Amino acid sequence: MQQLIDFAAVLAFLIAYFVGGDIFIATGVLMVGVTLQMILYKALRKPISNELRITFWASMVLGSLTLIVQDEAFIQWKPTVVYCVFAAALLGSLWFNNVFLLEKLLGKALQLSPTKWTHLTYGWSVAFLACAGLNLWVADNFSMDTWVTFKVFGLMGLQLAFVVLTVVYLAVTGALSEGSLEKSEPQDS
């Protein structure tokens, strides 16, 4: 259910663009979609993630600029802005507060050494910055149809690939051994 809520705005954006063929209508649909996501999370009394908050505000600000100025470049910048904010949050919390945000997200399920958390922080920061740059490159060098497809499927695919690379890295370095994973309650057989 939560995954459906999380992807509903992006799916609505994709459908609005390819059915209507207009980036401005699709941008308005995206803005309505992320607003409905926030309202639905509030109504269901579910916690609103920082990722959703950042996505909401980036969609509202850059979407509004897109619609007011009638320039699609602003909405094309949204993924880049979001990814840069994520990278800055990861690096800033490490550099200035010596806090691993990834540990706060995954620490209950995964027990890692500070060195491993540092590697993951830098790795994910580089991945976010690479996605940010790649988004701009696609936006500047390809058609709007290509960019919309890349935004929805390409960037999501790259994130999934980096999740797989993260798991491989943790497995190869022995970080996924029994001692590093949180023990779950024994189940009756």
C-alpha atoms as a PDB file:
ATOM      1  CA  MET A   1       0.000   0.000   0.000  1.00  0.00           C
ATOM      2  CA  GLN A   2       2.741   2.455   0.974  1.00  0.00           C
ATOM      3  CA  GLN A   3       4.684   1.775  -2.252  1.00  0.00           C
ATOM      4  CA  LEU A   4       1.542   2.559  -4.238  1.00  0.00           C
ATOM      5  CA  ILE A   5       1.181   5.866  -2.398  1.00  0.00           C
ATOM      6  CA  ASP A   6       4.882   6.631  -2.916  1.00  0.00           C
ATOM      7  CA  PHE A   7       4.789   6.058  -6.674  1.00  0.00           C
ATOM      8  CA  ALA A   8       1.302   7.414  -7.394  1.00  0.00           C
ATOM      9  CA  ALA A   9       2.432  10.999  -8.126  1.00  0.00           C
ATOM     10  CA  VAL A  10       5.243   9.869 -10.434  1.00  0.00           C
ATOM     11  CA  LEU A  11       2.924   7.454 -12.219  1.00  0.00           C
ATOM     12  CA  ALA A  12       0.296  10.193 -12.602  1.00  0.00           C
ATOM     13  CA  PHE A  13       2.992  12.537 -14.001  1.00  0.00           C
ATOM     14  CA  LEU A  14       4.074   9.875 -16.511  1.00  0.00           C
ATOM     15  CA  ILE A  15       0.518   9.130 -17.639  1.00  0.00           C
ATOM     16  CA  ALA A  16      -0.413  12.818 -17.849  1.00  0.00           C
ATOM     17  CA  TYR A  17       2.618  13.557 -19.974  1.00  0.00           C
ATOM     18  CA  PHE A  18       2.308  10.665 -22.424  1.00  0.00           C
ATOM     19  CA  VAL A  19      -1.493  10.850 -22.718  1.00  0.00           C
ATOM     20  CA  GLY A  20      -1.719  14.643 -22.813  1.00  0.00           C
ATOM     21  CA  GLY A  21       1.661  15.271 -24.419  1.00  0.00           C
ATOM     22  CA  ASP A  22       2.103  18.462 -22.408  1.00  0.00           C
ATOM     23  CA  ILE A  23       4.803  18.911 -19.766  1.00  0.00           C
ATOM     24  CA  PHE A  24       2.885  21.770 -18.162  1.00  0.00           C
ATOM     25  CA  ILE A  25      -0.219  19.649 -17.563  1.00  0.00           C
ATOM     26  CA  ALA A  26       1.988  16.809 -16.315  1.00  0.00           C
ATOM     27  CA  THR A  27       3.738  19.243 -13.951  1.00  0.00           C
ATOM     28  CA  GLY A  28       0.389  20.345 -12.514  1.00  0.00           C
ATOM     29  CA  VAL A  29      -0.609  16.695 -12.091  1.00  0.00           C
ATOM     30  CA  LEU A  30       2.689  16.011 -10.297  1.00  0.00           C
ATOM     31  CA  MET A  31       2.096  18.938  -7.937  1.00  0.00           C
ATOM     32  CA  VAL A  32      -1.428  17.749  -7.140  1.00  0.00           C
ATOM     33  CA  GLY A  33      -0.125  14.189  -6.735  1.00  0.00           C
ATOM     34  CA  VAL A  34       2.582  15.011  -4.197  1.00  0.00           C
ATOM     35  CA  THR A  35       0.131  17.232  -2.318  1.00  0.00           C
ATOM     36  CA  LEU A  36      -2.330  14.327  -2.145  1.00  0.00           C
ATOM     37  CA  GLN A  37       0.509  12.072  -0.950  1.00  0.00           C
ATOM     38  CA  MET A  38       1.177  14.436   1.960  1.00  0.00           C
ATOM     39  CA  ILE A  39      -2.531  14.676   2.786  1.00  0.00           C
ATOM     40  CA  LEU A  40      -2.947  10.894   2.614  1.00  0.00           C
ATOM     41  CA  TYR A  41       0.020  10.290   4.920  1.00  0.00           C
ATOM     42  CA  LYS A  42      -1.441  12.794   7.385  1.00  0.00           C
ATOM     43  CA  ALA A  43      -4.902  11.208   7.165  1.00  0.00           C
ATOM     44  CA  LEU A  44      -3.459   7.717   7.695  1.00  0.00           C
ATOM     45  CA  ARG A  45      -1.300   9.087  10.543  1.00  0.00           C
ATOM     46  CA  LYS A  46       1.814   7.711   8.907  1.00  0.00           C
ATOM     47  CA  PRO A  47       5.126   9.488   9.374  1.00  0.00           C
ATOM     48  CA  ILE A  48       6.129  11.706   6.461  1.00  0.00           C
ATOM     49  CA  SER A  49       9.682  10.895   5.418  1.00  0.00           C
ATOM     50  CA  ASN A  50      12.251  13.594   4.837  1.00  0.00           C
ATOM     51  CA  GLU A  51      12.534  12.301   1.272  1.00  0.00           C
ATOM     52  CA  LEU A  52       8.842  13.004   0.678  1.00  0.00           C
ATOM     53  CA  ARG A  53       9.145  16.440   2.298  1.00  0.00           C
ATOM     54  CA  ILE A  54      12.068  17.347   0.036  1.00  0.00           C
ATOM     55  CA  THR A  55      10.277  15.970  -3.025  1.00  0.00           C
ATOM     56  CA  PHE A  56       7.112  17.869  -2.078  1.00  0.00           C
ATOM     57  CA  TRP A  57       8.858  21.216  -1.700  1.00  0.00           C
ATOM     58  CA  ALA A  58      11.011  20.752  -4.806  1.00  0.00           C
ATOM     59  CA  SER A  59       7.877  19.846  -6.779  1.00  0.00           C
ATOM     60  CA  MET A  60       5.963  22.846  -5.442  1.00  0.00           C
ATOM     61  CA  VAL A  61       8.707  25.434  -5.977  1.00  0.00           C
ATOM     62  CA  LEU A  62      10.097  24.200  -9.293  1.00  0.00           C
ATOM     63  CA  GLY A  63       6.668  23.112 -10.545  1.00  0.00           C
ATOM     64  CA  SER A  64       5.247  26.562  -9.777  1.00  0.00           C
ATOM     65  CA  LEU A  65       8.136  28.235 -11.593  1.00  0.00           C
ATOM     66  CA  THR A  66       7.573  25.897 -14.553  1.00  0.00           C
ATOM     67  CA  LEU A  67       3.906  26.847 -14.741  1.00  0.00           C
ATOM     68  CA  ILE A  68       4.311  30.579 -14.053  1.00  0.00           C
ATOM     69  CA  VAL A  69       7.248  31.169 -16.409  1.00  0.00           C
ATOM     70  CA  GLN A  70       6.102  28.470 -18.879  1.00  0.00           C
ATOM     71  CA  ASP A  71       9.620  27.021 -19.001  1.00  0.00           C
ATOM     72  CA  GLU A  72       9.996  23.255 -18.661  1.00  0.00           C
ATOM     73  CA  ALA A  73      13.622  23.600 -17.573  1.00  0.00           C
ATOM     74  CA  PHE A  74      12.527  24.211 -13.969  1.00  0.00           C
ATOM     75  CA  ILE A  75      10.700  20.888 -13.636  1.00  0.00           C
ATOM     76  CA  GLN A  76      13.615  19.178 -15.365  1.00  0.00           C
ATOM     77  CA  TRP A  77      15.869  20.492 -12.605  1.00  0.00           C
ATOM     78  CA  LYS A  78      13.726  18.925  -9.863  1.00  0.00           C
ATOM     79  CA  PRO A  79      15.458  15.518  -9.762  1.00  0.00           C
ATOM     80  CA  THR A  80      18.851  17.244  -9.777  1.00  0.00           C
ATOM     81  CA  VAL A  81      17.872  19.509  -6.877  1.00  0.00           C
ATOM     82  CA  VAL A  82      16.448  16.577  -4.883  1.00  0.00           C
ATOM     83  CA  TYR A  83      19.521  14.404  -5.459  1.00  0.00           C
ATOM     84  CA  CYS A  84      21.866  17.264  -4.533  1.00  0.00           C
ATOM     85  CA  VAL A  85      19.923  17.878  -1.313  1.00  0.00           C
ATOM     86  CA  PHE A  86      20.181  14.163  -0.452  1.00  0.00           C
ATOM     87  CA  ALA A  87      23.938  14.149  -1.097  1.00  0.00           C
ATOM     88  CA  ALA A  88      24.404  17.370   0.886  1.00  0.00           C
ATOM     89  CA  ALA A  89      22.407  15.957   3.802  1.00  0.00           C
ATOM     90  CA  LEU A  90      24.471  12.759   3.879  1.00  0.00           C
ATOM     91  CA  LEU A  91      27.808  14.547   3.582  1.00  0.00           C
ATOM     92  CA  GLY A  92      26.872  17.499   5.782  1.00  0.00           C
ATOM     93  CA  SER A  93      25.693  15.302   8.634  1.00  0.00           C
ATOM     94  CA  LEU A  94      28.943  13.329   8.438  1.00  0.00           C
ATOM     95  CA  TRP A  95      31.318  16.261   8.036  1.00  0.00           C
ATOM     96  CA  PHE A  96      29.715  18.701  10.472  1.00  0.00           C
ATOM     97  CA  ASN A  97      28.000  16.476  13.044  1.00  0.00           C
ATOM     98  CA  ASN A  98      29.846  13.175  12.638  1.00  0.00           C
ATOM     99  CA  VAL A  99      26.446  11.494  12.194  1.00  0.00           C
ATOM    100  CA  PHE A 100      25.660   8.772   9.671  1.00  0.00           C
ATOM    101  CA  LEU A 101      22.175   9.422   8.317  1.00  0.00           C
ATOM    102  CA  LEU A 102      22.171   6.008   6.654  1.00  0.00           C
ATOM    103  CA  GLU A 103      22.756   4.436  10.050  1.00  0.00           C
ATOM    104  CA  LYS A 104      19.742   6.303  11.389  1.00  0.00           C
ATOM    105  CA  LEU A 105      17.693   4.843   8.542  1.00  0.00           C
ATOM    106  CA  LEU A 106      19.116   1.322   8.550  1.00  0.00           C
ATOM    107  CA  GLY A 107      20.803   0.953  11.922  1.00  0.00           C
ATOM    108  CA  LYS A 108      18.060  -1.172  13.461  1.00  0.00           C
ATOM    109  CA  ALA A 109      18.362  -3.754  10.693  1.00  0.00           C
ATOM    110  CA  LEU A 110      22.067  -3.525   9.972  1.00  0.00           C
ATOM    111  CA  GLN A 111      24.950  -3.190  12.406  1.00  0.00           C
ATOM    112  CA  LEU A 112      28.057  -1.833  10.674  1.00  0.00           C
ATOM    113  CA  SER A 113      31.373  -0.368  11.736  1.00  0.00           C
ATOM    114  CA  PRO A 114      31.878   3.398  11.398  1.00  0.00           C
ATOM    115  CA  THR A 115      34.218   2.672   8.477  1.00  0.00           C
ATOM    116  CA  LYS A 116      31.458   0.842   6.591  1.00  0.00           C
ATOM    117  CA  TRP A 117      28.932   3.599   7.339  1.00  0.00           C
ATOM    118  CA  THR A 118      31.473   6.118   6.030  1.00  0.00           C
ATOM    119  CA  HIS A 119      31.969   4.107   2.831  1.00  0.00           C
ATOM    120  CA  LEU A 120      28.208   3.855   2.334  1.00  0.00           C
ATOM    121  CA  THR A 121      27.748   7.574   2.996  1.00  0.00           C
ATOM    122  CA  TYR A 122      30.350   8.514   0.390  1.00  0.00           C
ATOM    123  CA  GLY A 123      29.116   5.880  -2.029  1.00  0.00           C
ATOM    124  CA  TRP A 124      25.497   7.010  -1.861  1.00  0.00           C
ATOM    125  CA  SER A 125      26.544  10.669  -2.045  1.00  0.00           C
ATOM    126  CA  VAL A 126      28.513   9.991  -5.224  1.00  0.00           C
ATOM    127  CA  ALA A 127      25.567   8.018  -6.627  1.00  0.00           C
ATOM    128  CA  PHE A 128      23.136  10.865  -5.891  1.00  0.00           C
ATOM    129  CA  LEU A 129      25.484  13.435  -7.443  1.00  0.00           C
ATOM    130  CA  ALA A 130      25.996  11.219 -10.499  1.00  0.00           C
ATOM    131  CA  CYS A 131      22.219  10.909 -10.926  1.00  0.00           C
ATOM    132  CA  ALA A 132      21.905  14.683 -10.517  1.00  0.00           C
ATOM    133  CA  GLY A 133      24.457  15.328 -13.242  1.00  0.00           C
ATOM    134  CA  LEU A 134      23.080  12.627 -15.518  1.00  0.00           C
ATOM    135  CA  ASN A 135      19.592  14.116 -15.194  1.00  0.00           C
ATOM    136  CA  LEU A 136      20.869  17.497 -16.384  1.00  0.00           C
ATOM    137  CA  TRP A 137      22.776  15.904 -19.240  1.00  0.00           C
ATOM    138  CA  VAL A 138      19.699  14.014 -20.449  1.00  0.00           C
ATOM    139  CA  ALA A 139      17.518  17.122 -20.040  1.00  0.00           C
ATOM    140  CA  ASP A 140      19.953  19.246 -22.059  1.00  0.00           C
ATOM    141  CA  ASN A 141      20.740  16.753 -24.814  1.00  0.00           C
ATOM    142  CA  PHE A 142      17.581  14.781 -25.499  1.00  0.00           C
ATOM    143  CA  SER A 143      13.896  15.306 -26.241  1.00  0.00           C
ATOM    144  CA  MET A 144      11.296  15.885 -23.550  1.00  0.00           C
ATOM    145  CA  ASP A 145       9.885  12.389 -24.198  1.00  0.00           C
ATOM    146  CA  THR A 146      13.315  10.878 -23.564  1.00  0.00           C
ATOM    147  CA  TRP A 147      13.829  12.969 -20.427  1.00  0.00           C
ATOM    148  CA  VAL A 148      10.416  12.011 -18.958  1.00  0.00           C
ATOM    149  CA  THR A 149      11.107   8.333 -19.632  1.00  0.00           C
ATOM    150  CA  PHE A 150      14.611   8.637 -18.157  1.00  0.00           C
ATOM    151  CA  LYS A 151      13.311  10.520 -15.100  1.00  0.00           C
ATOM    152  CA  VAL A 152      10.807   7.809 -14.279  1.00  0.00           C
ATOM    153  CA  PHE A 153      12.562   4.623 -15.354  1.00  0.00           C
ATOM    154  CA  GLY A 154      16.243   5.482 -15.792  1.00  0.00           C
ATOM    155  CA  LEU A 155      16.776   7.227 -12.475  1.00  0.00           C
ATOM    156  CA  MET A 156      14.727   4.609 -10.634  1.00  0.00           C
ATOM    157  CA  GLY A 157      16.763   1.878 -12.327  1.00  0.00           C
ATOM    158  CA  LEU A 158      20.016   3.568 -11.341  1.00  0.00           C
ATOM    159  CA  GLN A 159      18.883   3.754  -7.717  1.00  0.00           C
ATOM    160  CA  LEU A 160      17.952   0.074  -7.771  1.00  0.00           C
ATOM    161  CA  ALA A 161      21.343  -0.757  -9.294  1.00  0.00           C
ATOM    162  CA  PHE A 162      23.079   1.141  -6.514  1.00  0.00           C
ATOM    163  CA  VAL A 163      21.063  -0.747  -3.893  1.00  0.00           C
ATOM    164  CA  VAL A 164      22.308  -3.973  -5.483  1.00  0.00           C
ATOM    165  CA  LEU A 165      25.898  -2.646  -5.538  1.00  0.00           C
ATOM    166  CA  THR A 166      25.553  -1.708  -1.865  1.00  0.00           C
ATOM    167  CA  VAL A 167      24.408  -5.213  -0.937  1.00  0.00           C
ATOM    168  CA  VAL A 168      27.228  -6.742  -3.000  1.00  0.00           C
ATOM    169  CA  TYR A 169      29.773  -4.453  -1.308  1.00  0.00           C
ATOM    170  CA  LEU A 170      28.466  -5.371   2.137  1.00  0.00           C
ATOM    171  CA  ALA A 171      28.443  -9.086   1.285  1.00  0.00           C
ATOM    172  CA  VAL A 172      31.949  -9.083  -0.213  1.00  0.00           C
ATOM    173  CA  THR A 173      33.400  -7.201   2.747  1.00  0.00           C
ATOM    174  CA  GLY A 174      31.720  -9.554   5.230  1.00  0.00           C
ATOM    175  CA  ALA A 175      29.428  -6.888   6.615  1.00  0.00           C
ATOM    176  CA  LEU A 176      26.371  -9.073   6.088  1.00  0.00           C
ATOM    177  CA  SER A 177      27.590 -11.841   8.351  1.00  0.00           C
ATOM    178  CA  GLU A 178      25.304 -13.030  11.135  1.00  0.00           C
ATOM    179  CA  GLY A 179      26.894 -10.694  13.676  1.00  0.00           C
ATOM    180  CA  SER A 180      26.142  -7.600  11.621  1.00  0.00           C
ATOM    181  CA  LEU A 181      22.471  -8.258  11.004  1.00  0.00           C
ATOM    182  CA  GLU A 182      19.949  -7.596  13.734  1.00  0.00           C
ATOM    183  CA  LYS A 183      18.636 -10.886  15.045  1.00  0.00           C
ATOM    184  CA  SER A 184      14.927 -11.306  14.540  1.00  0.00           C
ATOM    185  CA  GLU A 185      12.659 -13.123  16.932  1.00  0.00           C
ATOM    186  CA  PRO A 186      12.858 -16.911  16.511  1.00  0.00           C
ATOM    187  CA  GLN A 187       9.869 -18.291  14.677  1.00  0.00           C
ATOM    188  CA  ASP A 188       8.043 -21.444  15.573  1.00  0.00           C
ATOM    189  CA  SER A 189       8.467 -24.176  12.984  1.00  0.00           C
END
